[in-house]
Amino acid sequence: MPQEISLKDVPGLVGTVVGVSDWITVDQPMIDAFAGATMDHQFIHTDPIRAAAETPFGGTIAHGFLTVSLLSAMNYNCLPKIREQTLGINYGFDKLRFMSPVKTGKRIRGSFKLAEARFRGAGMLMNTYEVTVEIEDERKPALTADWITISQFDPKDRPEGV
């Protein structure tokens, strides 16, 4: 269970790994559901027989964007909850690289290093995480990214001096 912290604690965590998620198994039903939701039915994701015969992967692989989409679940699983936060916003990515394919049946997890935390406006904290999604028993990660989120809070809760 992620710990709960205060807004005033966040700047002191910059430069540290603030969370490592539980493992998530990426199985064929998950990949197929994602293919249906995104209308991306490329055979390397949805046809195990053809993918085994025609790709170097030995079978199907997850969509890269499926792996990116799982960052939200990983975030909720492991990052400290900010007590004063009223809303969390996905602001986007400064950098996102797909490093290695996630083969069907593999487990992945996210590691989140807080690279920057800065207060913006009266009631927002912008956080930048250096994220690595590792694949169990693999040397190379599935992806690396600089992910920016915004924690919105009531301006009366803003720590003094920031």
C-alpha atoms as a PDB file:
ATOM      1  CA  MET A   1       0.000   0.000   0.000  1.00  0.00           C
ATOM      2  CA  PRO A   2       1.487   3.365  -1.000  1.00  0.00           C
ATOM      3  CA  GLN A   3       2.302   5.698   1.842  1.00  0.00           C
ATOM      4  CA  GLU A   4       0.667   9.078   2.295  1.00  0.00           C
ATOM      5  CA  ILE A   5       2.793  12.222   2.320  1.00  0.00           C
ATOM      6  CA  SER A   6       2.255  15.957   2.574  1.00  0.00           C
ATOM      7  CA  LEU A   7       2.851  18.521  -0.168  1.00  0.00           C
ATOM      8  CA  LYS A   8       5.715  19.956   1.874  1.00  0.00           C
ATOM      9  CA  ASP A   9       7.477  16.559   1.746  1.00  0.00           C
ATOM     10  CA  VAL A  10       7.553  16.287  -2.057  1.00  0.00           C
ATOM     11  CA  PRO A  11      10.516  18.589  -2.865  1.00  0.00           C
ATOM     12  CA  GLY A  12      12.728  16.573  -0.494  1.00  0.00           C
ATOM     13  CA  LEU A  13      12.095  13.436  -2.564  1.00  0.00           C
ATOM     14  CA  VAL A  14      13.573  14.865  -5.792  1.00  0.00           C
ATOM     15  CA  GLY A  15      16.356  12.600  -7.041  1.00  0.00           C
ATOM     16  CA  THR A  16      15.022   9.481  -5.338  1.00  0.00           C
ATOM     17  CA  VAL A  17      13.072   6.450  -6.498  1.00  0.00           C
ATOM     18  CA  VAL A  18       9.693   7.110  -4.913  1.00  0.00           C
ATOM     19  CA  GLY A  19       7.994   3.894  -5.984  1.00  0.00           C
ATOM     20  CA  VAL A  20       8.348   0.523  -7.671  1.00  0.00           C
ATOM     21  CA  SER A  21       5.079  -1.088  -8.688  1.00  0.00           C
ATOM     22  CA  ASP A  22       3.933  -4.660  -8.332  1.00  0.00           C
ATOM     23  CA  TRP A  23       4.394  -6.936 -11.335  1.00  0.00           C
ATOM     24  CA  ILE A  24       1.647  -6.964 -13.983  1.00  0.00           C
ATOM     25  CA  THR A  25       1.249  -9.950 -16.303  1.00  0.00           C
ATOM     26  CA  VAL A  26       0.670  -8.907 -19.909  1.00  0.00           C
ATOM     27  CA  ASP A  27      -1.346 -11.800 -21.340  1.00  0.00           C
ATOM     28  CA  GLN A  28      -3.077 -12.347 -24.675  1.00  0.00           C
ATOM     29  CA  PRO A  29      -6.575 -11.396 -23.416  1.00  0.00           C
ATOM     30  CA  MET A  30      -5.179  -8.035 -22.220  1.00  0.00           C
ATOM     31  CA  ILE A  31      -3.446  -7.474 -25.565  1.00  0.00           C
ATOM     32  CA  ASP A  32      -6.585  -8.453 -27.493  1.00  0.00           C
ATOM     33  CA  ALA A  33      -8.741  -6.092 -25.408  1.00  0.00           C
ATOM     34  CA  PHE A  34      -6.286  -3.259 -26.074  1.00  0.00           C
ATOM     35  CA  ALA A  35      -6.303  -4.081 -29.800  1.00  0.00           C
ATOM     36  CA  GLY A  36     -10.084  -3.848 -29.776  1.00  0.00           C
ATOM     37  CA  ALA A  37     -10.110  -0.550 -27.891  1.00  0.00           C
ATOM     38  CA  THR A  38      -7.502   1.060 -30.164  1.00  0.00           C
ATOM     39  CA  MET A  39      -8.433  -0.682 -33.435  1.00  0.00           C
ATOM     40  CA  ASP A  40      -4.805  -1.803 -33.794  1.00  0.00           C
ATOM     41  CA  HIS A  41      -5.109  -5.450 -34.808  1.00  0.00           C
ATOM     42  CA  GLN A  42      -1.649  -5.860 -36.336  1.00  0.00           C
ATOM     43  CA  PHE A  43      -0.844  -9.579 -36.384  1.00  0.00           C
ATOM     44  CA  ILE A  44       2.295  -9.199 -34.236  1.00  0.00           C
ATOM     45  CA  HIS A  45      -0.106  -8.428 -31.371  1.00  0.00           C
ATOM     46  CA  THR A  46      -3.170 -10.552 -32.114  1.00  0.00           C
ATOM     47  CA  ASP A  47      -2.207 -13.649 -34.103  1.00  0.00           C
ATOM     48  CA  PRO A  48       0.021 -15.962 -32.022  1.00  0.00           C
ATOM     49  CA  ILE A  49       0.505 -18.533 -34.799  1.00  0.00           C
ATOM     50  CA  ARG A  50       1.451 -16.040 -37.482  1.00  0.00           C
ATOM     51  CA  ALA A  51       3.599 -14.009 -35.051  1.00  0.00           C
ATOM     52  CA  ALA A  52       5.498 -17.173 -34.092  1.00  0.00           C
ATOM     53  CA  ALA A  53       6.115 -18.016 -37.749  1.00  0.00           C
ATOM     54  CA  GLU A  54       6.861 -14.571 -39.173  1.00  0.00           C
ATOM     55  CA  THR A  55       8.533 -12.510 -36.427  1.00  0.00           C
ATOM     56  CA  PRO A  56      11.727 -12.810 -34.405  1.00  0.00           C
ATOM     57  CA  PHE A  57       9.695 -12.636 -31.177  1.00  0.00           C
ATOM     58  CA  GLY A  58       8.537 -16.264 -31.071  1.00  0.00           C
ATOM     59  CA  GLY A  59       4.925 -15.171 -30.616  1.00  0.00           C
ATOM     60  CA  THR A  60       2.840 -12.089 -30.044  1.00  0.00           C
ATOM     61  CA  ILE A  61       4.036  -8.957 -28.285  1.00  0.00           C
ATOM     62  CA  ALA A  62       2.196  -6.184 -26.466  1.00  0.00           C
ATOM     63  CA  HIS A  63       1.497  -2.889 -28.169  1.00  0.00           C
ATOM     64  CA  GLY A  64       3.989  -0.277 -27.011  1.00  0.00           C
ATOM     65  CA  PHE A  65       1.077   1.992 -26.187  1.00  0.00           C
ATOM     66  CA  LEU A  66      -0.424  -0.743 -23.991  1.00  0.00           C
ATOM     67  CA  THR A  67       2.748  -0.679 -21.922  1.00  0.00           C
ATOM     68  CA  VAL A  68       2.527   3.122 -21.723  1.00  0.00           C
ATOM     69  CA  SER A  69      -1.141   2.868 -20.707  1.00  0.00           C
ATOM     70  CA  LEU A  70      -0.251   0.576 -17.820  1.00  0.00           C
ATOM     71  CA  LEU A  71       1.833   3.385 -16.284  1.00  0.00           C
ATOM     72  CA  SER A  72      -1.337   4.751 -14.683  1.00  0.00           C
ATOM     73  CA  ALA A  73      -2.019   1.470 -12.891  1.00  0.00           C
ATOM     74  CA  MET A  74       1.633   1.253 -11.845  1.00  0.00           C
ATOM     75  CA  ASN A  75       1.493   4.842 -10.570  1.00  0.00           C
ATOM     76  CA  TYR A  76      -1.587   4.177  -8.433  1.00  0.00           C
ATOM     77  CA  ASN A  77      -0.015   0.988  -7.140  1.00  0.00           C
ATOM     78  CA  CYS A  78       3.194   2.450  -5.774  1.00  0.00           C
ATOM     79  CA  LEU A  79       3.545   6.229  -5.676  1.00  0.00           C
ATOM     80  CA  PRO A  80       2.978   8.036  -2.393  1.00  0.00           C
ATOM     81  CA  LYS A  81      -0.430   9.674  -2.125  1.00  0.00           C
ATOM     82  CA  ILE A  82      -0.239  13.417  -1.553  1.00  0.00           C
ATOM     83  CA  ARG A  83      -2.608  14.156   1.319  1.00  0.00           C
ATOM     84  CA  GLU A  84      -3.683  17.586   0.034  1.00  0.00           C
ATOM     85  CA  GLN A  85      -4.132  16.558  -3.607  1.00  0.00           C
ATOM     86  CA  THR A  86      -7.647  17.058  -4.944  1.00  0.00           C
ATOM     87  CA  LEU A  87      -6.954  16.016  -8.536  1.00  0.00           C
ATOM     88  CA  GLY A  88      -4.156  14.344 -10.488  1.00  0.00           C
ATOM     89  CA  ILE A  89      -3.578  15.279 -14.116  1.00  0.00           C
ATOM     90  CA  ASN A  90      -1.503  13.512 -16.768  1.00  0.00           C
ATOM     91  CA  TYR A  91       0.414  16.379 -18.413  1.00  0.00           C
ATOM     92  CA  GLY A  92       2.345  14.265 -20.918  1.00  0.00           C
ATOM     93  CA  PHE A  93       5.837  13.106 -21.773  1.00  0.00           C
ATOM     94  CA  ASP A  94       9.026  14.963 -22.623  1.00  0.00           C
ATOM     95  CA  LYS A  95      10.698  11.750 -23.748  1.00  0.00           C
ATOM     96  CA  LEU A  96       9.388   8.253 -24.379  1.00  0.00           C
ATOM     97  CA  ARG A  97      11.415   5.378 -25.796  1.00  0.00           C
ATOM     98  CA  PHE A  98      10.373   1.795 -26.471  1.00  0.00           C
ATOM     99  CA  MET A  99      13.507  -0.175 -25.634  1.00  0.00           C
ATOM    100  CA  SER A 100      12.423  -3.808 -25.868  1.00  0.00           C
ATOM    101  CA  PRO A 101       9.201  -5.638 -26.806  1.00  0.00           C
ATOM    102  CA  VAL A 102       7.021  -7.137 -24.104  1.00  0.00           C
ATOM    103  CA  LYS A 103       6.362 -10.730 -25.116  1.00  0.00           C
ATOM    104  CA  THR A 104       2.959 -12.151 -24.312  1.00  0.00           C
ATOM    105  CA  GLY A 105       2.867 -13.731 -20.871  1.00  0.00           C
ATOM    106  CA  LYS A 106       5.726 -11.627 -19.482  1.00  0.00           C
ATOM    107  CA  ARG A 107       5.471  -9.570 -16.325  1.00  0.00           C
ATOM    108  CA  ILE A 108       6.363  -5.892 -16.180  1.00  0.00           C
ATOM    109  CA  ARG A 109       6.680  -3.302 -13.433  1.00  0.00           C
ATOM    110  CA  GLY A 110       7.406   0.405 -13.226  1.00  0.00           C
ATOM    111  CA  SER A 111      10.082   2.244 -11.301  1.00  0.00           C
ATOM    112  CA  PHE A 112       9.471   5.959 -10.689  1.00  0.00           C
ATOM    113  CA  LYS A 113      12.282   8.375  -9.862  1.00  0.00           C
ATOM    114  CA  LEU A 114      11.112  11.886  -9.011  1.00  0.00           C
ATOM    115  CA  ALA A 115      13.338  14.073 -11.198  1.00  0.00           C
ATOM    116  CA  GLU A 116      11.659  17.423 -10.530  1.00  0.00           C
ATOM    117  CA  ALA A 117       8.869  18.891  -8.433  1.00  0.00           C
ATOM    118  CA  ARG A 118       7.943  22.529  -8.796  1.00  0.00           C
ATOM    119  CA  PHE A 119       4.995  24.538  -7.644  1.00  0.00           C
ATOM    120  CA  ARG A 120       3.062  26.360 -10.381  1.00  0.00           C
ATOM    121  CA  GLY A 121       0.369  28.884  -9.802  1.00  0.00           C
ATOM    122  CA  ALA A 122      -1.504  28.937  -6.538  1.00  0.00           C
ATOM    123  CA  GLY A 123      -2.673  25.336  -6.476  1.00  0.00           C
ATOM    124  CA  MET A 124      -0.563  23.102  -8.693  1.00  0.00           C
ATOM    125  CA  LEU A 125       2.554  20.991  -8.256  1.00  0.00           C
ATOM    126  CA  MET A 126       4.205  19.756 -11.461  1.00  0.00           C
ATOM    127  CA  ASN A 127       6.114  16.490 -11.021  1.00  0.00           C
ATOM    128  CA  THR A 128       8.471  14.954 -13.548  1.00  0.00           C
ATOM    129  CA  TYR A 129       9.240  11.264 -13.138  1.00  0.00           C
ATOM    130  CA  GLU A 130      11.989   9.310 -14.829  1.00  0.00           C
ATOM    131  CA  VAL A 131      10.096   6.084 -15.421  1.00  0.00           C
ATOM    132  CA  THR A 132      11.533   2.716 -16.351  1.00  0.00           C
ATOM    133  CA  VAL A 133       9.275  -0.233 -17.125  1.00  0.00           C
ATOM    134  CA  GLU A 134      11.269  -3.379 -16.641  1.00  0.00           C
ATOM    135  CA  ILE A 135      10.466  -6.822 -17.989  1.00  0.00           C
ATOM    136  CA  GLU A 136      10.947  -9.673 -15.529  1.00  0.00           C
ATOM    137  CA  ASP A 137      14.101 -11.694 -16.269  1.00  0.00           C
ATOM    138  CA  GLU A 138      15.104  -9.382 -19.153  1.00  0.00           C
ATOM    139  CA  ARG A 139      18.202  -7.199 -19.297  1.00  0.00           C
ATOM    140  CA  LYS A 140      16.663  -4.338 -21.278  1.00  0.00           C
ATOM    141  CA  PRO A 141      13.591  -2.431 -20.075  1.00  0.00           C
ATOM    142  CA  ALA A 142      10.388  -2.271 -22.074  1.00  0.00           C
ATOM    143  CA  LEU A 143      10.418   1.510 -22.037  1.00  0.00           C
ATOM    144  CA  THR A 144      11.906   4.604 -20.489  1.00  0.00           C
ATOM    145  CA  ALA A 145      10.099   7.914 -20.218  1.00  0.00           C
ATOM    146  CA  ASP A 146      10.084  11.339 -18.636  1.00  0.00           C
ATOM    147  CA  TRP A 147       6.475  11.586 -17.464  1.00  0.00           C
ATOM    148  CA  ILE A 148       4.997  14.857 -16.264  1.00  0.00           C
ATOM    149  CA  THR A 149       2.007  14.944 -13.936  1.00  0.00           C
ATOM    150  CA  ILE A 150       0.236  17.736 -12.098  1.00  0.00           C
ATOM    151  CA  SER A 151      -1.066  17.473  -8.562  1.00  0.00           C
ATOM    152  CA  GLN A 152      -3.837  19.984  -8.041  1.00  0.00           C
ATOM    153  CA  PHE A 153      -4.658  21.162  -4.528  1.00  0.00           C
ATOM    154  CA  ASP A 154      -6.536  23.911  -2.711  1.00  0.00           C
ATOM    155  CA  PRO A 155      -4.287  27.009  -2.689  1.00  0.00           C
ATOM    156  CA  LYS A 156      -4.794  27.360   1.073  1.00  0.00           C
ATOM    157  CA  ASP A 157      -2.843  24.079   1.445  1.00  0.00           C
ATOM    158  CA  ARG A 158       0.258  25.372  -0.367  1.00  0.00           C
ATOM    159  CA  PRO A 159       3.313  25.113   1.906  1.00  0.00           C
ATOM    160  CA  GLU A 160       4.773  28.431   3.003  1.00  0.00           C
ATOM    161  CA  GLY A 161       7.870  29.674   1.235  1.00  0.00           C
ATOM    162  CA  VAL A 162       7.376  27.828  -2.063  1.00  0.00           C
END
